[in-house]
Amino acid sequence: MAADLRAGDAFCLKGDAGGGKSTWARAFIRSAAQDQGLAVAPPPQGLRPNEYSGHGLVEPAEFGELPILHYDVGNLSRPSDADCEVIAGTFPRSVSVIEWAENLREWGAAPEQRLAIYFRRLPSQPDADVRLVTVMPHTGAWEVRVGLLQANLAISGPPAGLMMLSDDMAAQLTAGMPECLAFAT
């Protein structure tokens, strides 16, 4: 995903505490910055992000440097409407990685071009290092990009440690997750 960045992309990380949101965010930012040794500090909790630099589509036909903004909006009270407008105003011109992003949706400040990524510990093995990661596109553009990612994984095979689930299995495992209700069968 970090190889195909575009201004306005927002990765909304949601799910269980200890589910892997921060680990995913750090790996993503390092990959987007093309620097595996980059020190990625936890963002301060609140509306002030840590900023990094990546590369991607700045305009429809212009490739260049993009700001990557890393937020942690967990455990916050609803900010003022003005603060919500400020954070929403950053989304179109940057790539945003937002931990505990479900808060933004509740505040009416969720980015338009978002990809929700849910991290869930499997209940049958709470102490194991096993996670269910569910990707939910929220726009047609993300649906196309996720479809291409799935096709590439089907051709090349998933990376070590990653297992792809059938649509039926994924629907069973995501039943009850807030934004997955419409997709469960």
N, C-alpha and C. Protein backbone atom coordinates (compact mmCIF):
# COMPACT_ATOMS: atom_id res chain seq x y z
N MET A 1 0.81 -1.20 0.00
CA MET A 1 0.00 0.00 0.00
C MET A 1 0.86 1.26 0.00
N ALA A 2 2.01 1.20 0.63
CA ALA A 2 2.88 2.38 0.70
C ALA A 2 3.51 2.70 -0.65
N ALA A 3 3.48 1.77 -1.58
CA ALA A 3 4.07 2.01 -2.90
C ALA A 3 3.12 2.77 -3.82
N ASP A 4 1.88 2.98 -3.40
CA ASP A 4 0.87 3.61 -4.25
C ASP A 4 0.17 4.74 -3.50
N LEU A 5 0.94 5.65 -2.93
CA LEU A 5 0.36 6.74 -2.14
C LEU A 5 -0.16 7.86 -3.02
N ARG A 6 -1.22 8.49 -2.53
CA ARG A 6 -1.82 9.63 -3.24
C ARG A 6 -2.24 10.67 -2.21
N ALA A 7 -2.10 11.93 -2.55
CA ALA A 7 -2.59 12.98 -1.66
C ALA A 7 -4.06 12.72 -1.37
N GLY A 8 -4.43 12.80 -0.11
CA GLY A 8 -5.81 12.54 0.30
C GLY A 8 -6.02 11.16 0.86
N ASP A 9 -5.04 10.26 0.71
CA ASP A 9 -5.19 8.92 1.29
C ASP A 9 -5.24 9.01 2.81
N ALA A 10 -6.15 8.27 3.39
CA ALA A 10 -6.21 8.19 4.85
C ALA A 10 -6.37 6.73 5.24
N PHE A 11 -5.50 6.29 6.12
CA PHE A 11 -5.53 4.93 6.64
C PHE A 11 -6.06 5.03 8.06
N CYS A 12 -7.29 4.61 8.24
CA CYS A 12 -7.98 4.73 9.53
C CYS A 12 -7.85 3.42 10.28
N LEU A 13 -7.01 3.43 11.30
CA LEU A 13 -6.69 2.22 12.06
C LEU A 13 -7.61 2.13 13.26
N LYS A 14 -8.28 0.99 13.37
CA LYS A 14 -9.29 0.80 14.41
C LYS A 14 -9.12 -0.58 15.02
N GLY A 15 -9.71 -0.78 16.19
CA GLY A 15 -9.73 -2.12 16.74
C GLY A 15 -9.23 -2.22 18.16
N ASP A 16 -8.91 -3.45 18.53
CA ASP A 16 -8.54 -3.79 19.90
C ASP A 16 -7.27 -3.10 20.35
N ALA A 17 -7.21 -2.77 21.64
CA ALA A 17 -5.95 -2.31 22.25
C ALA A 17 -4.96 -3.47 22.14
N GLY A 18 -3.75 -3.17 21.71
CA GLY A 18 -2.75 -4.22 21.53
C GLY A 18 -2.98 -5.05 20.28
N GLY A 19 -3.85 -4.57 19.41
CA GLY A 19 -4.17 -5.33 18.20
C GLY A 19 -3.17 -5.18 17.07
N GLY A 20 -2.29 -4.19 17.14
CA GLY A 20 -1.27 -4.03 16.12
C GLY A 20 -1.34 -2.73 15.34
N LYS A 21 -2.19 -1.81 15.76
CA LYS A 21 -2.32 -0.54 15.03
C LYS A 21 -1.00 0.23 14.98
N SER A 22 -0.35 0.39 16.11
CA SER A 22 0.91 1.14 16.16
C SER A 22 2.02 0.43 15.40
N THR A 23 2.07 -0.88 15.51
CA THR A 23 3.09 -1.66 14.79
C THR A 23 2.90 -1.48 13.29
N TRP A 24 1.64 -1.58 12.83
CA TRP A 24 1.35 -1.40 11.41
C TRP A 24 1.72 0.01 10.97
N ALA A 25 1.34 1.01 11.78
CA ALA A 25 1.62 2.41 11.43
C ALA A 25 3.11 2.64 11.26
N ARG A 26 3.92 2.14 12.18
CA ARG A 26 5.38 2.34 12.09
C ARG A 26 5.93 1.68 10.83
N ALA A 27 5.51 0.45 10.55
CA ALA A 27 6.01 -0.26 9.36
C ALA A 27 5.57 0.46 8.08
N PHE A 28 4.34 0.93 8.05
CA PHE A 28 3.82 1.64 6.89
C PHE A 28 4.61 2.92 6.65
N ILE A 29 4.83 3.71 7.70
CA ILE A 29 5.53 4.98 7.56
C ILE A 29 6.96 4.74 7.08
N ARG A 30 7.64 3.74 7.62
CA ARG A 30 9.00 3.42 7.17
C ARG A 30 9.01 3.04 5.70
N SER A 31 8.02 2.25 5.30
CA SER A 31 7.94 1.83 3.91
C SER A 31 7.64 3.02 2.99
N ALA A 32 6.70 3.86 3.40
CA ALA A 32 6.34 5.05 2.60
C ALA A 32 7.51 6.02 2.48
N ALA A 33 8.31 6.12 3.54
CA ALA A 33 9.48 7.01 3.53
C ALA A 33 10.68 6.36 2.85
N GLN A 34 10.53 5.10 2.51
CA GLN A 34 11.61 4.32 1.89
C GLN A 34 12.86 4.35 2.77
N ASP A 35 12.63 4.18 4.09
CA ASP A 35 13.72 4.20 5.06
C ASP A 35 13.37 3.26 6.21
N GLN A 36 13.81 1.99 6.11
CA GLN A 36 13.47 1.00 7.13
C GLN A 36 14.10 1.30 8.49
N GLY A 37 15.09 2.17 8.54
CA GLY A 37 15.71 2.54 9.80
C GLY A 37 15.12 3.80 10.43
N LEU A 38 14.12 4.39 9.79
CA LEU A 38 13.53 5.63 10.28
C LEU A 38 12.96 5.44 11.69
N ALA A 39 13.31 6.35 12.58
CA ALA A 39 12.75 6.34 13.93
C ALA A 39 11.33 6.92 13.86
N VAL A 40 10.34 6.08 14.13
CA VAL A 40 8.94 6.50 14.10
C VAL A 40 8.44 6.52 15.54
N ALA A 41 8.32 7.72 16.08
CA ALA A 41 7.89 7.87 17.47
C ALA A 41 6.37 7.78 17.56
N PRO A 42 5.87 7.31 18.68
CA PRO A 42 4.41 7.34 18.86
C PRO A 42 3.93 8.80 18.78
N PRO A 43 2.83 9.05 18.08
CA PRO A 43 2.35 10.44 18.01
C PRO A 43 1.79 10.85 19.36
N PRO A 44 1.83 12.14 19.64
CA PRO A 44 1.20 12.58 20.88
C PRO A 44 -0.30 12.33 20.77
N GLN A 45 -0.92 11.95 21.86
CA GLN A 45 -2.35 11.72 21.81
C GLN A 45 -3.04 13.06 21.63
N GLY A 46 -3.86 13.16 20.61
CA GLY A 46 -4.55 14.41 20.35
C GLY A 46 -4.58 14.74 18.87
N LEU A 47 -4.77 16.00 18.58
CA LEU A 47 -4.96 16.44 17.20
C LEU A 47 -3.67 16.93 16.55
N ARG A 48 -2.55 16.85 17.25
CA ARG A 48 -1.27 17.28 16.68
C ARG A 48 -0.52 16.02 16.24
N PRO A 49 -0.30 15.85 14.92
CA PRO A 49 0.35 14.63 14.44
C PRO A 49 1.87 14.74 14.43
N ASN A 50 2.51 13.59 14.35
CA ASN A 50 3.92 13.55 13.96
C ASN A 50 3.92 13.59 12.44
N GLU A 51 4.89 14.28 11.85
CA GLU A 51 4.94 14.40 10.39
C GLU A 51 6.20 13.75 9.84
N TYR A 52 6.00 13.01 8.75
CA TYR A 52 7.08 12.34 8.04
C TYR A 52 6.94 12.70 6.56
N SER A 53 7.87 12.23 5.75
CA SER A 53 7.83 12.53 4.33
C SER A 53 7.86 11.24 3.53
N GLY A 54 6.95 11.15 2.56
CA GLY A 54 6.91 10.00 1.66
C GLY A 54 6.81 10.49 0.23
N HIS A 55 6.63 9.58 -0.69
CA HIS A 55 6.54 9.92 -2.11
C HIS A 55 5.28 9.30 -2.70
N GLY A 56 4.62 10.06 -3.57
CA GLY A 56 3.42 9.56 -4.22
C GLY A 56 2.83 10.60 -5.15
N LEU A 57 1.59 10.38 -5.55
CA LEU A 57 0.90 11.31 -6.45
C LEU A 57 0.41 12.51 -5.66
N VAL A 58 0.98 13.67 -5.99
CA VAL A 58 0.60 14.92 -5.34
C VAL A 58 -0.62 15.49 -6.06
N GLU A 59 -0.60 15.44 -7.35
CA GLU A 59 -1.70 15.85 -8.23
C GLU A 59 -1.97 14.65 -9.14
N PRO A 60 -3.08 14.66 -9.88
CA PRO A 60 -3.37 13.48 -10.72
C PRO A 60 -2.23 13.03 -11.62
N ALA A 61 -1.42 13.93 -12.11
CA ALA A 61 -0.32 13.51 -13.01
C ALA A 61 1.05 13.94 -12.49
N GLU A 62 1.14 14.29 -11.21
CA GLU A 62 2.40 14.80 -10.67
C GLU A 62 2.86 13.95 -9.49
N PHE A 63 4.02 13.34 -9.63
CA PHE A 63 4.61 12.52 -8.58
C PHE A 63 5.57 13.39 -7.78
N GLY A 64 5.55 13.29 -6.47
CA GLY A 64 6.45 14.11 -5.66
C GLY A 64 6.40 13.74 -4.19
N GLU A 65 6.92 14.63 -3.39
CA GLU A 65 6.99 14.41 -1.95
C GLU A 65 5.63 14.71 -1.31
N LEU A 66 5.21 13.82 -0.43
CA LEU A 66 3.93 13.97 0.27
C LEU A 66 4.17 13.96 1.78
N PRO A 67 3.50 14.85 2.51
CA PRO A 67 3.58 14.73 3.96
C PRO A 67 2.75 13.53 4.44
N ILE A 68 3.31 12.80 5.39
CA ILE A 68 2.59 11.70 6.03
C ILE A 68 2.34 12.14 7.47
N LEU A 69 1.07 12.25 7.83
CA LEU A 69 0.69 12.70 9.16
C LEU A 69 0.20 11.52 9.98
N HIS A 70 0.81 11.31 11.14
CA HIS A 70 0.49 10.19 12.01
C HIS A 70 -0.21 10.71 13.26
N TYR A 71 -1.49 10.37 13.41
CA TYR A 71 -2.32 10.83 14.52
C TYR A 71 -2.64 9.69 15.48
N ASP A 72 -2.87 10.02 16.74
CA ASP A 72 -3.46 9.13 17.72
C ASP A 72 -4.59 9.91 18.37
N VAL A 73 -5.83 9.59 18.00
CA VAL A 73 -6.97 10.33 18.53
C VAL A 73 -7.76 9.51 19.55
N GLY A 74 -7.10 8.51 20.14
CA GLY A 74 -7.75 7.69 21.17
C GLY A 74 -7.93 8.46 22.46
N ASN A 75 -8.95 8.09 23.20
CA ASN A 75 -9.23 8.65 24.54
C ASN A 75 -9.36 10.16 24.56
N LEU A 76 -9.87 10.74 23.49
CA LEU A 76 -10.08 12.18 23.46
C LEU A 76 -11.56 12.51 23.59
N SER A 77 -11.84 13.63 24.22
CA SER A 77 -13.19 14.17 24.19
C SER A 77 -13.40 14.79 22.81
N ARG A 78 -14.65 14.97 22.45
CA ARG A 78 -14.93 15.58 21.15
C ARG A 78 -14.34 16.99 21.12
N PRO A 79 -13.49 17.25 20.11
CA PRO A 79 -12.94 18.60 19.99
C PRO A 79 -13.99 19.57 19.46
N SER A 80 -13.65 20.83 19.45
CA SER A 80 -14.57 21.85 18.93
C SER A 80 -14.77 21.64 17.43
N ASP A 81 -15.83 22.22 16.90
CA ASP A 81 -16.07 22.16 15.46
C ASP A 81 -14.90 22.75 14.68
N ALA A 82 -14.34 23.83 15.21
CA ALA A 82 -13.19 24.46 14.54
C ALA A 82 -12.00 23.50 14.49
N ASP A 83 -11.73 22.79 15.57
CA ASP A 83 -10.63 21.82 15.57
C ASP A 83 -10.91 20.68 14.60
N CYS A 84 -12.16 20.24 14.53
CA CYS A 84 -12.53 19.18 13.57
C CYS A 84 -12.30 19.66 12.14
N GLU A 85 -12.63 20.92 11.86
CA GLU A 85 -12.41 21.47 10.53
C GLU A 85 -10.92 21.55 10.20
N VAL A 86 -10.10 21.91 11.19
CA VAL A 86 -8.65 22.00 10.97
C VAL A 86 -8.10 20.62 10.62
N ILE A 87 -8.45 19.60 11.39
CA ILE A 87 -7.92 18.26 11.11
C ILE A 87 -8.45 17.76 9.76
N ALA A 88 -9.73 17.99 9.48
CA ALA A 88 -10.29 17.56 8.20
C ALA A 88 -9.63 18.29 7.03
N GLY A 89 -9.19 19.52 7.25
CA GLY A 89 -8.53 20.29 6.21
C GLY A 89 -7.15 19.76 5.84
N THR A 90 -6.54 18.97 6.72
CA THR A 90 -5.22 18.40 6.41
C THR A 90 -5.32 17.18 5.50
N PHE A 91 -6.46 16.51 5.47
CA PHE A 91 -6.57 15.24 4.75
C PHE A 91 -6.36 15.34 3.24
N PRO A 92 -6.94 16.31 2.54
CA PRO A 92 -6.81 16.32 1.07
C PRO A 92 -5.38 16.50 0.56
N ARG A 93 -4.49 17.10 1.33
CA ARG A 93 -3.16 17.40 0.81
C ARG A 93 -2.06 16.53 1.42
N SER A 94 -2.44 15.50 2.18
CA SER A 94 -1.43 14.66 2.82
C SER A 94 -1.88 13.21 2.80
N VAL A 95 -1.02 12.35 3.32
CA VAL A 95 -1.37 10.97 3.60
C VAL A 95 -1.51 10.90 5.12
N SER A 96 -2.63 10.40 5.59
CA SER A 96 -2.88 10.37 7.03
C SER A 96 -2.95 8.93 7.53
N VAL A 97 -2.29 8.69 8.65
CA VAL A 97 -2.37 7.42 9.36
C VAL A 97 -2.96 7.77 10.72
N ILE A 98 -4.16 7.26 10.99
CA ILE A 98 -4.91 7.71 12.16
C ILE A 98 -5.24 6.52 13.06
N GLU A 99 -4.61 6.48 14.23
CA GLU A 99 -4.92 5.43 15.20
C GLU A 99 -6.16 5.84 15.99
N TRP A 100 -7.01 4.84 16.27
CA TRP A 100 -8.29 5.04 16.95
C TRP A 100 -9.20 5.95 16.13
N ALA A 101 -9.21 5.74 14.84
CA ALA A 101 -9.93 6.62 13.90
C ALA A 101 -11.44 6.59 14.06
N GLU A 102 -11.97 5.61 14.77
CA GLU A 102 -13.43 5.58 14.96
C GLU A 102 -13.91 6.86 15.64
N ASN A 103 -13.05 7.51 16.41
CA ASN A 103 -13.43 8.78 17.03
C ASN A 103 -13.73 9.85 15.98
N LEU A 104 -12.94 9.90 14.92
CA LEU A 104 -13.18 10.91 13.88
C LEU A 104 -14.57 10.74 13.26
N ARG A 105 -14.97 9.51 13.04
CA ARG A 105 -16.29 9.27 12.47
C ARG A 105 -17.38 9.77 13.41
N GLU A 106 -17.21 9.51 14.70
CA GLU A 106 -18.20 9.98 15.68
C GLU A 106 -18.27 11.50 15.72
N TRP A 107 -17.14 12.17 15.47
CA TRP A 107 -17.09 13.63 15.52
C TRP A 107 -17.51 14.27 14.19
N GLY A 108 -17.77 13.46 13.17
CA GLY A 108 -18.11 14.00 11.86
C GLY A 108 -16.91 14.54 11.11
N ALA A 109 -15.71 14.08 11.45
CA ALA A 109 -14.48 14.60 10.84
C ALA A 109 -13.71 13.51 10.10
N ALA A 110 -14.36 12.42 9.73
CA ALA A 110 -13.67 11.33 9.04
C ALA A 110 -13.27 11.77 7.63
N PRO A 111 -12.08 11.36 7.19
CA PRO A 111 -11.65 11.71 5.83
C PRO A 111 -12.52 11.03 4.78
N GLU A 112 -12.68 11.71 3.64
CA GLU A 112 -13.49 11.14 2.55
C GLU A 112 -12.81 9.92 1.93
N GLN A 113 -11.55 10.05 1.58
CA GLN A 113 -10.81 8.98 0.89
C GLN A 113 -10.15 8.08 1.93
N ARG A 114 -10.95 7.29 2.63
CA ARG A 114 -10.37 6.50 3.71
C ARG A 114 -10.44 5.00 3.46
N LEU A 115 -9.44 4.37 4.00
CA LEU A 115 -9.38 2.91 4.03
C LEU A 115 -9.37 2.54 5.50
N ALA A 116 -10.43 1.91 5.96
CA ALA A 116 -10.50 1.48 7.36
C ALA A 116 -9.77 0.14 7.47
N ILE A 117 -8.90 0.05 8.45
CA ILE A 117 -8.16 -1.19 8.70
C ILE A 117 -8.42 -1.56 10.15
N TYR A 118 -9.11 -2.69 10.35
CA TYR A 118 -9.46 -3.17 11.68
C TYR A 118 -8.45 -4.20 12.15
N PHE A 119 -8.01 -4.05 13.38
CA PHE A 119 -7.07 -4.98 14.00
C PHE A 119 -7.80 -5.66 15.16
N ARG A 120 -7.83 -6.98 15.10
CA ARG A 120 -8.58 -7.71 16.11
C ARG A 120 -7.77 -8.91 16.59
N ARG A 121 -7.65 -9.03 17.91
CA ARG A 121 -7.04 -10.24 18.48
C ARG A 121 -8.09 -11.34 18.38
N LEU A 122 -7.65 -12.52 18.03
CA LEU A 122 -8.60 -13.62 17.94
C LEU A 122 -9.00 -14.06 19.34
N PRO A 123 -10.31 -14.09 19.64
CA PRO A 123 -10.76 -14.39 21.00
C PRO A 123 -10.33 -15.77 21.49
N SER A 124 -10.17 -16.70 20.59
CA SER A 124 -9.80 -18.05 21.00
C SER A 124 -8.36 -18.13 21.48
N GLN A 125 -7.53 -17.13 21.12
CA GLN A 125 -6.13 -17.15 21.50
C GLN A 125 -5.69 -15.73 21.89
N PRO A 126 -6.21 -15.18 22.99
CA PRO A 126 -5.93 -13.79 23.34
C PRO A 126 -4.46 -13.50 23.64
N ASP A 127 -3.70 -14.49 24.07
CA ASP A 127 -2.29 -14.26 24.38
C ASP A 127 -1.37 -14.57 23.21
N ALA A 128 -1.91 -15.15 22.15
CA ALA A 128 -1.09 -15.51 20.99
C ALA A 128 -0.81 -14.27 20.15
N ASP A 129 0.21 -14.35 19.35
CA ASP A 129 0.59 -13.24 18.47
C ASP A 129 -0.13 -13.40 17.13
N VAL A 130 -1.45 -13.57 17.18
CA VAL A 130 -2.26 -13.80 15.99
C VAL A 130 -3.30 -12.69 15.91
N ARG A 131 -3.42 -12.08 14.75
CA ARG A 131 -4.38 -10.99 14.57
C ARG A 131 -5.22 -11.24 13.32
N LEU A 132 -6.42 -10.73 13.38
CA LEU A 132 -7.25 -10.66 12.19
C LEU A 132 -7.22 -9.21 11.75
N VAL A 133 -6.78 -8.95 10.53
CA VAL A 133 -6.73 -7.60 9.98
C VAL A 133 -7.74 -7.56 8.84
N THR A 134 -8.70 -6.68 8.95
CA THR A 134 -9.75 -6.55 7.95
C THR A 134 -9.64 -5.18 7.30
N VAL A 135 -9.66 -5.15 5.99
CA VAL A 135 -9.52 -3.91 5.22
C VAL A 135 -10.87 -3.59 4.60
N MET A 136 -11.38 -2.37 4.87
CA MET A 136 -12.68 -1.95 4.36
C MET A 136 -12.55 -0.63 3.61
N PRO A 137 -12.66 -0.66 2.27
CA PRO A 137 -12.60 0.59 1.50
C PRO A 137 -13.88 1.39 1.68
N HIS A 138 -13.75 2.73 1.67
CA HIS A 138 -14.92 3.60 1.85
C HIS A 138 -15.22 4.47 0.64
N THR A 139 -14.51 4.28 -0.45
CA THR A 139 -14.83 5.01 -1.68
C THR A 139 -14.57 4.07 -2.84
N GLY A 140 -15.10 4.44 -4.00
CA GLY A 140 -14.86 3.63 -5.19
C GLY A 140 -13.40 3.53 -5.54
N ALA A 141 -12.65 4.62 -5.33
CA ALA A 141 -11.22 4.59 -5.64
C ALA A 141 -10.51 3.56 -4.76
N TRP A 142 -10.85 3.52 -3.47
CA TRP A 142 -10.23 2.53 -2.58
C TRP A 142 -10.69 1.12 -2.93
N GLU A 143 -11.93 0.96 -3.36
CA GLU A 143 -12.41 -0.37 -3.76
C GLU A 143 -11.57 -0.91 -4.91
N VAL A 144 -11.26 -0.06 -5.87
CA VAL A 144 -10.43 -0.48 -7.01
C VAL A 144 -9.03 -0.83 -6.52
N ARG A 145 -8.44 0.00 -5.70
CA ARG A 145 -7.07 -0.24 -5.23
C ARG A 145 -6.99 -1.50 -4.37
N VAL A 146 -7.99 -1.73 -3.51
CA VAL A 146 -7.99 -2.95 -2.69
C VAL A 146 -8.19 -4.17 -3.59
N GLY A 147 -9.03 -4.05 -4.60
CA GLY A 147 -9.20 -5.15 -5.55
C GLY A 147 -7.90 -5.49 -6.26
N LEU A 148 -7.15 -4.48 -6.66
CA LEU A 148 -5.85 -4.72 -7.31
C LEU A 148 -4.87 -5.37 -6.33
N LEU A 149 -4.88 -4.94 -5.08
CA LEU A 149 -4.02 -5.55 -4.07
C LEU A 149 -4.39 -7.01 -3.88
N GLN A 150 -5.68 -7.32 -3.80
CA GLN A 150 -6.11 -8.71 -3.66
C GLN A 150 -5.68 -9.54 -4.87
N ALA A 151 -5.83 -8.98 -6.06
CA ALA A 151 -5.42 -9.71 -7.27
C ALA A 151 -3.92 -9.97 -7.26
N ASN A 152 -3.12 -8.97 -6.88
CA ASN A 152 -1.67 -9.17 -6.82
C ASN A 152 -1.30 -10.23 -5.79
N LEU A 153 -1.98 -10.22 -4.64
CA LEU A 153 -1.70 -11.24 -3.62
C LEU A 153 -2.12 -12.63 -4.09
N ALA A 154 -3.21 -12.70 -4.85
CA ALA A 154 -3.65 -13.99 -5.37
C ALA A 154 -2.65 -14.56 -6.38
N ILE A 155 -2.02 -13.68 -7.15
CA ILE A 155 -1.04 -14.12 -8.15
C ILE A 155 0.29 -14.47 -7.50
N SER A 156 0.79 -13.56 -6.66
CA SER A 156 2.13 -13.75 -6.08
C SER A 156 2.12 -14.53 -4.79
N GLY A 157 0.96 -14.66 -4.18
CA GLY A 157 0.86 -15.30 -2.88
C GLY A 157 1.12 -14.28 -1.79
N PRO A 158 0.48 -14.47 -0.65
CA PRO A 158 0.68 -13.51 0.45
C PRO A 158 2.08 -13.63 1.04
N PRO A 159 2.58 -12.54 1.61
CA PRO A 159 3.89 -12.60 2.27
C PRO A 159 3.86 -13.57 3.45
N ALA A 160 5.02 -13.99 3.89
CA ALA A 160 5.12 -14.91 5.02
C ALA A 160 4.36 -14.34 6.22
N GLY A 161 3.59 -15.17 6.87
CA GLY A 161 2.85 -14.76 8.05
C GLY A 161 1.49 -14.17 7.77
N LEU A 162 1.12 -14.04 6.50
CA LEU A 162 -0.17 -13.48 6.13
C LEU A 162 -1.00 -14.56 5.47
N MET A 163 -2.25 -14.66 5.88
CA MET A 163 -3.14 -15.65 5.29
C MET A 163 -4.37 -14.93 4.76
N MET A 164 -4.74 -15.20 3.54
CA MET A 164 -5.92 -14.60 2.94
C MET A 164 -7.12 -15.49 3.26
N LEU A 165 -8.26 -14.88 3.62
CA LEU A 165 -9.46 -15.62 3.95
C LEU A 165 -10.47 -15.53 2.81
N SER A 166 -11.31 -16.55 2.71
CA SER A 166 -12.40 -16.49 1.75
C SER A 166 -13.38 -15.41 2.20
N ASP A 167 -14.22 -14.95 1.28
CA ASP A 167 -15.21 -13.93 1.63
C ASP A 167 -16.14 -14.42 2.74
N ASP A 168 -16.55 -15.72 2.69
CA ASP A 168 -17.43 -16.26 3.71
C ASP A 168 -16.76 -16.28 5.08
N MET A 169 -15.50 -16.71 5.13
CA MET A 169 -14.78 -16.76 6.40
C MET A 169 -14.58 -15.36 6.96
N ALA A 170 -14.22 -14.42 6.09
CA ALA A 170 -14.03 -13.04 6.53
C ALA A 170 -15.34 -12.46 7.07
N ALA A 171 -16.46 -12.76 6.42
CA ALA A 171 -17.76 -12.26 6.88
C ALA A 171 -18.08 -12.82 8.27
N GLN A 172 -17.78 -14.08 8.51
CA GLN A 172 -18.04 -14.67 9.82
C GLN A 172 -17.17 -14.03 10.90
N LEU A 173 -15.91 -13.80 10.59
CA LEU A 173 -14.98 -13.25 11.58
C LEU A 173 -15.20 -11.77 11.85
N THR A 174 -15.78 -11.05 10.89
CA THR A 174 -16.00 -9.61 11.09
C THR A 174 -17.41 -9.29 11.54
N ALA A 175 -18.24 -10.30 11.71
CA ALA A 175 -19.61 -10.06 12.15
C ALA A 175 -19.59 -9.27 13.47
N GLY A 176 -20.37 -8.21 13.51
CA GLY A 176 -20.45 -7.41 14.72
C GLY A 176 -19.50 -6.23 14.76
N MET A 177 -18.55 -6.16 13.83
CA MET A 177 -17.65 -5.00 13.80
C MET A 177 -18.43 -3.84 13.22
N PRO A 178 -18.33 -2.64 13.78
CA PRO A 178 -19.23 -1.53 13.43
C PRO A 178 -19.41 -1.26 11.95
N GLU A 179 -18.34 -1.08 11.19
CA GLU A 179 -18.51 -0.73 9.79
C GLU A 179 -18.59 -1.95 8.89
N CYS A 180 -18.59 -3.15 9.48
CA CYS A 180 -18.65 -4.38 8.69
C CYS A 180 -20.06 -4.95 8.64
N LEU A 181 -20.99 -4.38 9.39
CA LEU A 181 -22.32 -4.96 9.49
C LEU A 181 -22.98 -5.08 8.11
N ALA A 182 -22.79 -4.11 7.27
CA ALA A 182 -23.41 -4.15 5.95
C ALA A 182 -22.78 -5.20 5.04
N PHE A 183 -21.57 -5.64 5.36
CA PHE A 183 -20.88 -6.60 4.51
C PHE A 183 -21.05 -8.04 4.95
N ALA A 184 -21.48 -8.25 6.20
CA ALA A 184 -21.64 -9.62 6.70
C ALA A 184 -22.86 -10.24 6.05
N THR A 185 -22.78 -11.53 5.76
CA THR A 185 -23.91 -12.21 5.12
C THR A 185 -24.68 -13.04 6.11
